[in-house]
């Protein structure tokens, strides 16, 4: 089942200007937003942090952008996203893409959902105009509008 990026972000899943002291606090904020939106349990947040502890900063996929996620598990109640734009970018330890200013939390019920959402996010974030607009969106509604394809003013 495909996940619509614009409808997968309720207000509870969006944090703009979040003050994070380090990468762990940023990822926990993304996980907490997934929990607040009803997509996951707290255990999924712990699984995301454990994956980074184990595998390193592989979630930093582009300059300034990390997609925090863990394997599909029963800690995922429904597929969903969270969007955490940091007040001040933080280092994740990535050789080329630090510091990170946007952490997108991704929860998928299964491998197929995971790949579909990753593909949709990659497409949206590869569009420089859209990516720049998302970097300055000032409300959760504006983030959703942009992801839905409305990049006009």
Foldseek 3Di string as FASTA:
>chain_A
DEDQQLVQEDQLQEAEAAADPAPLSQLLNNVSSCVSVVFFASVFSVQQVVCCVVPNQPQLDAAQEGEGGHAADPRGPAWGKHKYFHNDFHVRPDPPRDRHGIYMYTYHNHPVNVVNVVVLVVVQCVPVLLVVQCNPDDGSNSNSCSSVPPSDD
